[in-house]
Amino acid sequence: MTARVVARVVVVALVVLVVVAVVRYGALFASATEGDVPPAGSAPLPTGVTVVDATKACASGGCWTELTVRPPSGTSSERLVARLDGTRITGSLWDPRTVNVAAETDGDQVVVRADYWTVTPTP
């Protein structure tokens, strides 16, 4: 291959990549609604946590994924809440939206909520 052919292939590949990115991000943001929820697997659950229930819940202002989990043996629900509450998971190249995680105790279980729209106040 000549240098000219290689350059042309590189340019075409870059143009295709840019077009795919523009279409993907355009579709992602054009179709974004308050009903969008992160997948249940996006919550950063530690090894050993048992998922008891997974649902999608909605209220005024948006929807979220809600997981009821049981901490691993030897870990209290308060300690699991301290580890998870307030976690922000930055998006990926495929889905750049940030996932916000909140957690609270519910007896010996923990309720974990993950959404795209919670804004944490800056101190």
Protein backbone atom coordinates (compact mmCIF):
# COMPACT_ATOMS: atom_id res chain seq x y z
CA MET A 1 0.00 0.00 0.00
CA THR A 2 1.16 3.47 -0.74
CA ALA A 3 1.22 6.24 1.83
CA ARG A 4 -1.68 7.89 0.03
CA VAL A 5 -3.89 4.79 0.36
CA VAL A 6 -3.00 4.40 4.04
CA ALA A 7 -3.82 8.06 4.69
CA ARG A 8 -7.13 7.69 2.89
CA VAL A 9 -8.05 4.57 4.93
CA VAL A 10 -7.18 6.38 8.17
CA VAL A 11 -9.28 9.40 7.22
CA VAL A 12 -12.26 7.23 6.26
CA ALA A 13 -11.98 5.27 9.52
CA LEU A 14 -11.87 8.49 11.56
CA VAL A 15 -14.87 9.92 9.71
CA VAL A 16 -16.85 6.71 10.32
CA LEU A 17 -15.88 6.79 14.01
CA VAL A 18 -17.00 10.41 14.37
CA VAL A 19 -20.30 9.72 12.59
CA VAL A 20 -21.00 6.70 14.84
CA ALA A 21 -20.19 8.75 17.96
CA VAL A 22 -22.40 11.66 16.87
CA VAL A 23 -25.31 9.33 16.07
CA ARG A 24 -24.91 7.40 19.35
CA TYR A 25 -24.62 10.48 21.59
CA GLY A 26 -27.32 12.30 19.66
CA ALA A 27 -29.74 9.40 20.07
CA LEU A 28 -28.79 9.02 23.73
CA PHE A 29 -29.47 12.64 24.60
CA ALA A 30 -32.43 13.13 22.24
CA SER A 31 -34.24 10.17 23.76
CA ALA A 32 -33.23 10.91 27.36
CA THR A 33 -36.20 11.12 29.68
CA GLU A 34 -36.80 11.19 33.41
CA GLY A 35 -37.78 7.53 33.01
CA ASP A 36 -34.25 6.45 32.11
CA VAL A 37 -32.68 4.25 34.77
CA PRO A 38 -29.24 2.71 35.01
CA PRO A 39 -29.02 -1.07 34.71
CA ALA A 40 -29.12 -2.93 38.02
CA GLY A 41 -25.56 -4.11 37.41
CA SER A 42 -24.23 -0.56 37.47
CA ALA A 43 -24.37 -0.34 41.28
CA PRO A 44 -20.89 -1.01 42.71
CA LEU A 45 -21.88 -3.86 45.02
CA PRO A 46 -19.02 -5.50 46.93
CA THR A 47 -18.31 -9.21 46.62
CA GLY A 48 -20.60 -11.30 48.77
CA VAL A 49 -23.62 -8.98 48.68
CA THR A 50 -26.87 -10.81 47.93
CA VAL A 51 -29.48 -9.00 45.82
CA VAL A 52 -32.88 -9.74 47.38
CA ASP A 53 -34.99 -7.60 45.02
CA ALA A 54 -34.46 -5.32 42.02
CA THR A 55 -37.12 -2.90 40.78
CA LYS A 56 -37.59 0.30 38.84
CA ALA A 57 -39.29 3.02 40.87
CA CYS A 58 -40.51 6.46 39.85
CA ALA A 59 -41.73 9.58 41.60
CA SER A 60 -41.96 13.26 40.84
CA GLY A 61 -38.74 14.25 39.13
CA GLY A 62 -37.50 10.96 37.81
CA CYS A 63 -36.99 7.24 38.05
CA TRP A 64 -34.30 5.06 39.55
CA THR A 65 -33.20 1.48 39.90
CA GLU A 66 -33.81 0.21 43.42
CA LEU A 67 -31.99 -2.81 44.79
CA THR A 68 -32.68 -4.39 48.15
CA VAL A 69 -29.52 -6.20 49.19
CA ARG A 70 -28.23 -8.24 52.11
CA PRO A 71 -24.67 -7.44 53.24
CA PRO A 72 -22.10 -10.24 53.21
CA SER A 73 -21.60 -12.09 56.48
CA GLY A 74 -19.39 -10.12 58.82
CA THR A 75 -20.47 -6.76 57.38
CA SER A 76 -23.17 -4.65 59.02
CA SER A 77 -25.82 -2.89 56.97
CA GLU A 78 -24.52 0.45 58.33
CA ARG A 79 -21.02 -0.30 57.06
CA LEU A 80 -22.36 -1.22 53.62
CA VAL A 81 -24.37 2.01 53.52
CA ALA A 82 -21.25 4.00 54.44
CA ARG A 83 -19.40 2.35 51.56
CA LEU A 84 -22.09 2.86 48.91
CA ASP A 85 -23.97 6.06 49.82
CA GLY A 86 -22.98 9.05 47.71
CA THR A 87 -21.01 7.03 45.16
CA ARG A 88 -20.84 8.53 41.68
CA ILE A 89 -19.90 6.26 38.80
CA THR A 90 -18.59 8.12 35.80
CA GLY A 91 -19.98 7.09 32.47
CA SER A 92 -18.22 5.14 29.79
CA LEU A 93 -17.45 5.97 26.20
CA TRP A 94 -20.62 4.09 25.18
CA ASP A 95 -22.88 5.77 27.79
CA PRO A 96 -21.35 8.96 29.22
CA ARG A 97 -24.06 9.56 31.83
CA THR A 98 -22.95 9.54 35.48
CA VAL A 99 -24.71 7.06 37.77
CA ASN A 100 -25.48 8.42 41.25
CA VAL A 101 -25.86 5.90 44.07
CA ALA A 102 -27.67 6.40 47.38
CA ALA A 103 -28.06 3.79 50.10
CA GLU A 104 -29.95 3.48 53.37
CA THR A 105 -30.55 0.75 55.90
CA ASP A 106 -33.81 -1.15 56.08
CA GLY A 107 -33.45 -3.42 59.09
CA ASP A 108 -30.70 -5.91 58.33
CA GLN A 109 -30.92 -5.12 54.61
CA VAL A 110 -29.80 -2.14 52.55
CA VAL A 111 -31.84 -0.30 49.91
CA VAL A 112 -29.59 0.97 47.11
CA ARG A 113 -30.89 3.52 44.59
CA ALA A 114 -29.09 4.31 41.34
CA ASP A 115 -30.15 7.11 39.00
CA TYR A 116 -28.85 9.51 36.38
CA TRP A 117 -30.38 12.73 37.66
CA THR A 118 -29.48 13.27 41.35
CA VAL A 119 -27.29 16.30 41.85
CA THR A 120 -25.08 16.28 44.93
CA PRO A 121 -24.78 19.76 46.43
CA THR A 122 -21.29 21.24 46.45
CA PRO A 123 -20.10 22.06 49.99
